[in-house]
Amino acid sequence: MTQSTDFLKDKHILAVDDEKDILETIQEILNDTKVDLAQDYDTASDMISKTRYDLAILDIMGVNGIKLLEECVKRKIPAIMLTANSMNPGSLVESIKKGAISYLSKEHLSELDSLINALLEAKEEGKPTWKLLFDKLGSYFDKRFGKNWKDDDKEFWKKFNKTYYM
């Protein structure tokens, strides 16, 4: 496990994934926090409507993560999108547009605590969370999607660089 600091300590986090082993890994990594788990959309939606979470970690596939993201945004719960099968430029752009504060490949799950800590710190300080993600994982996206992957939606990325990234 990577280093954990006060930004994570005592937080209440919702983790949603249809894979039980992923949820167990998240719970183990985030051992300084209270983590509620849900394996399906209905359970997660109910939990979002009834509980005030400091953060939600939402799988995109299998649990209708984009719809859960919309529910989190309405309740002002910051959300990180987590994916393996939906790791593509389209789901990244949709996550940004729908209000996620970050997007993470399940390949980087071992870094979850340090990423969340940094995101919560940035959010508290009014810094852009997406800049943090791209500073940390931008080369991963280039490798995964291809060097010119942003060319398919140049207008979005131009706006992104002016609003989300600064």
Protein backbone atom coordinates (compact mmCIF):
# COMPACT_ATOMS: atom_id res chain seq x y z
CA MET A 1 0.00 0.00 0.00
CA THR A 2 1.19 3.52 -0.75
CA GLN A 3 1.37 6.35 1.75
CA SER A 4 -1.89 7.67 3.17
CA THR A 5 -2.33 11.11 4.77
CA ASP A 6 -4.98 13.09 6.59
CA PHE A 7 -6.96 13.84 3.42
CA LEU A 8 -8.12 10.22 3.35
CA LYS A 9 -8.39 9.57 7.07
CA ASP A 10 -11.96 9.15 8.31
CA LYS A 11 -13.53 9.79 4.90
CA HIS A 12 -16.74 7.99 3.95
CA ILE A 13 -16.42 6.50 0.47
CA LEU A 14 -18.78 4.52 -1.72
CA ALA A 15 -17.16 1.94 -4.02
CA VAL A 16 -19.28 0.43 -6.77
CA ASP A 17 -18.15 -2.44 -8.98
CA ASP A 18 -19.73 -5.66 -10.15
CA GLU A 19 -16.50 -7.53 -9.41
CA LYS A 20 -16.31 -8.53 -5.74
CA ASP A 21 -12.51 -8.86 -5.82
CA ILE A 22 -12.16 -5.26 -7.03
CA LEU A 23 -14.36 -4.05 -4.17
CA GLU A 24 -12.33 -6.06 -1.66
CA THR A 25 -9.11 -4.58 -3.07
CA ILE A 26 -10.50 -1.04 -2.82
CA GLN A 27 -11.58 -1.67 0.77
CA GLU A 28 -8.15 -3.05 1.63
CA ILE A 29 -6.30 -0.15 -0.02
CA LEU A 30 -8.50 2.45 1.67
CA ASN A 31 -8.17 1.03 5.16
CA ASP A 32 -8.09 4.50 6.82
CA THR A 33 -11.57 5.25 5.52
CA LYS A 34 -15.09 3.95 5.94
CA VAL A 35 -15.91 2.24 2.65
CA ASP A 36 -19.43 1.19 1.71
CA LEU A 37 -19.64 -1.36 -1.10
CA ALA A 38 -22.22 -1.97 -3.81
CA GLN A 39 -22.15 -4.52 -6.63
CA ASP A 40 -25.09 -3.27 -8.69
CA TYR A 41 -26.78 -0.09 -9.87
CA ASP A 42 -29.92 -0.33 -7.71
CA THR A 43 -28.03 -0.83 -4.45
CA ALA A 44 -25.58 1.96 -5.27
CA SER A 45 -28.32 4.37 -6.35
CA ASP A 46 -30.18 3.76 -3.09
CA MET A 47 -27.01 4.33 -1.08
CA ILE A 48 -26.25 7.57 -2.96
CA SER A 49 -29.75 8.87 -2.27
CA LYS A 50 -29.59 8.10 1.46
CA THR A 51 -25.98 8.79 2.47
CA ARG A 52 -23.67 11.76 2.20
CA TYR A 53 -20.36 10.40 0.91
CA ASP A 54 -17.06 12.26 0.73
CA LEU A 55 -16.30 10.44 -2.52
CA ALA A 56 -17.66 7.74 -4.82
CA ILE A 57 -15.57 5.32 -6.89
CA LEU A 58 -17.71 4.10 -9.76
CA ASP A 59 -17.06 1.35 -12.25
CA ILE A 60 -18.23 2.42 -15.70
CA MET A 61 -19.31 -1.00 -16.99
CA GLY A 62 -21.58 -3.51 -15.28
CA VAL A 63 -23.17 -1.11 -12.80
CA ASN A 64 -24.27 1.75 -15.08
CA GLY A 65 -21.53 3.96 -13.71
CA ILE A 66 -22.30 6.98 -15.90
CA LYS A 67 -25.86 7.11 -14.57
CA LEU A 68 -24.52 6.75 -11.01
CA LEU A 69 -22.09 9.59 -11.79
CA GLU A 70 -25.03 11.82 -12.73
CA GLU A 71 -26.70 10.95 -9.41
CA CYS A 72 -23.50 11.73 -7.50
CA VAL A 73 -23.13 15.08 -9.24
CA LYS A 74 -26.72 15.99 -8.31
CA ARG A 75 -25.90 15.19 -4.66
CA LYS A 76 -22.54 17.01 -4.87
CA ILE A 77 -20.58 13.81 -4.22
CA PRO A 78 -17.23 13.89 -6.04
CA ALA A 79 -16.76 10.78 -8.16
CA ILE A 80 -13.85 8.92 -9.70
CA MET A 81 -14.62 6.69 -12.65
CA LEU A 82 -12.86 3.33 -12.56
CA THR A 83 -12.64 1.11 -15.61
CA ALA A 84 -10.89 -1.70 -17.41
CA ASN A 85 -13.10 -2.57 -20.36
CA SER A 86 -14.26 1.00 -21.05
CA MET A 87 -10.78 2.51 -21.08
CA ASN A 88 -11.14 4.61 -24.23
CA PRO A 89 -11.17 8.29 -25.21
CA GLY A 90 -14.98 8.32 -25.52
CA SER A 91 -15.63 7.16 -21.96
CA LEU A 92 -12.94 9.53 -20.66
CA VAL A 93 -14.61 12.50 -22.41
CA GLU A 94 -18.06 11.41 -21.24
CA SER A 95 -16.78 11.12 -17.65
CA ILE A 96 -15.35 14.63 -17.83
CA LYS A 97 -18.50 16.09 -19.37
CA LYS A 98 -20.76 14.39 -16.82
CA GLY A 99 -18.80 15.80 -13.88
CA ALA A 100 -16.34 13.15 -12.66
CA ILE A 101 -13.29 14.52 -10.85
CA SER A 102 -11.01 11.77 -12.20
CA TYR A 103 -10.80 8.66 -14.33
CA LEU A 104 -8.66 5.69 -13.49
CA SER A 105 -7.77 2.41 -15.13
CA LYS A 106 -8.10 -0.66 -12.93
CA GLU A 107 -4.46 -1.28 -13.90
CA HIS A 108 -3.63 1.61 -11.54
CA LEU A 109 -5.79 0.40 -8.67
CA SER A 110 -2.73 -0.07 -6.45
CA GLU A 111 -2.23 3.73 -6.62
CA LEU A 112 -5.80 4.47 -5.58
CA ASP A 113 -5.06 5.74 -2.08
CA SER A 114 -2.31 8.12 -3.20
CA LEU A 115 -4.44 9.34 -6.13
CA ILE A 116 -7.50 9.95 -3.94
CA ASN A 117 -5.39 11.69 -1.35
CA ALA A 118 -3.91 13.98 -4.01
CA LEU A 119 -7.34 14.59 -5.58
CA LEU A 120 -8.93 15.48 -2.23
CA GLU A 121 -6.02 17.77 -1.44
CA ALA A 122 -6.29 19.48 -4.84
CA LYS A 123 -10.07 19.82 -4.48
CA GLU A 124 -9.73 21.35 -1.01
CA GLU A 125 -7.15 23.82 -2.31
CA GLY A 126 -9.31 24.74 -5.32
CA LYS A 127 -6.88 23.20 -7.80
CA PRO A 128 -8.09 21.35 -10.91
CA THR A 129 -8.27 17.62 -10.31
CA TRP A 130 -8.02 16.80 -14.01
CA LYS A 131 -4.66 18.58 -14.26
CA LEU A 132 -3.41 16.32 -11.49
CA LEU A 133 -4.60 13.23 -13.36
CA PHE A 134 -3.09 14.24 -16.68
CA ASP A 135 0.18 15.28 -15.03
CA LYS A 136 0.32 11.87 -13.39
CA LEU A 137 -1.15 9.60 -16.09
CA GLY A 138 -1.10 11.59 -19.33
CA SER A 139 1.66 9.45 -20.80
CA TYR A 140 -0.39 6.34 -19.93
CA PHE A 141 -3.33 7.69 -21.97
CA ASP A 142 -1.00 8.49 -24.87
CA LYS A 143 0.40 4.97 -24.76
CA ARG A 144 -3.01 3.33 -24.37
CA PHE A 145 -4.96 5.44 -26.90
CA GLY A 146 -2.18 6.40 -29.33
CA LYS A 147 -0.11 9.57 -29.49
CA ASN A 148 -2.70 11.67 -31.37
CA TRP A 149 -5.80 10.38 -29.59
CA LYS A 150 -7.07 13.88 -28.77
CA ASP A 151 -7.24 14.75 -32.49
CA ASP A 152 -10.62 12.99 -32.78
CA ASP A 153 -12.27 15.65 -30.60
CA LYS A 154 -10.00 18.67 -30.97
CA GLU A 155 -12.69 21.20 -30.01
CA PHE A 156 -13.44 19.45 -26.71
CA TRP A 157 -9.76 19.20 -25.79
CA LYS A 158 -9.17 22.85 -26.68
CA LYS A 159 -11.98 23.83 -24.30
CA PHE A 160 -10.75 21.29 -21.74
CA ASN A 161 -7.28 22.86 -21.70
CA LYS A 162 -8.85 26.26 -20.99
CA THR A 163 -11.37 25.22 -18.34
CA TYR A 164 -10.64 21.86 -16.72
CA TYR A 165 -6.89 21.70 -16.94
CA MET A 166 -5.85 25.14 -15.71
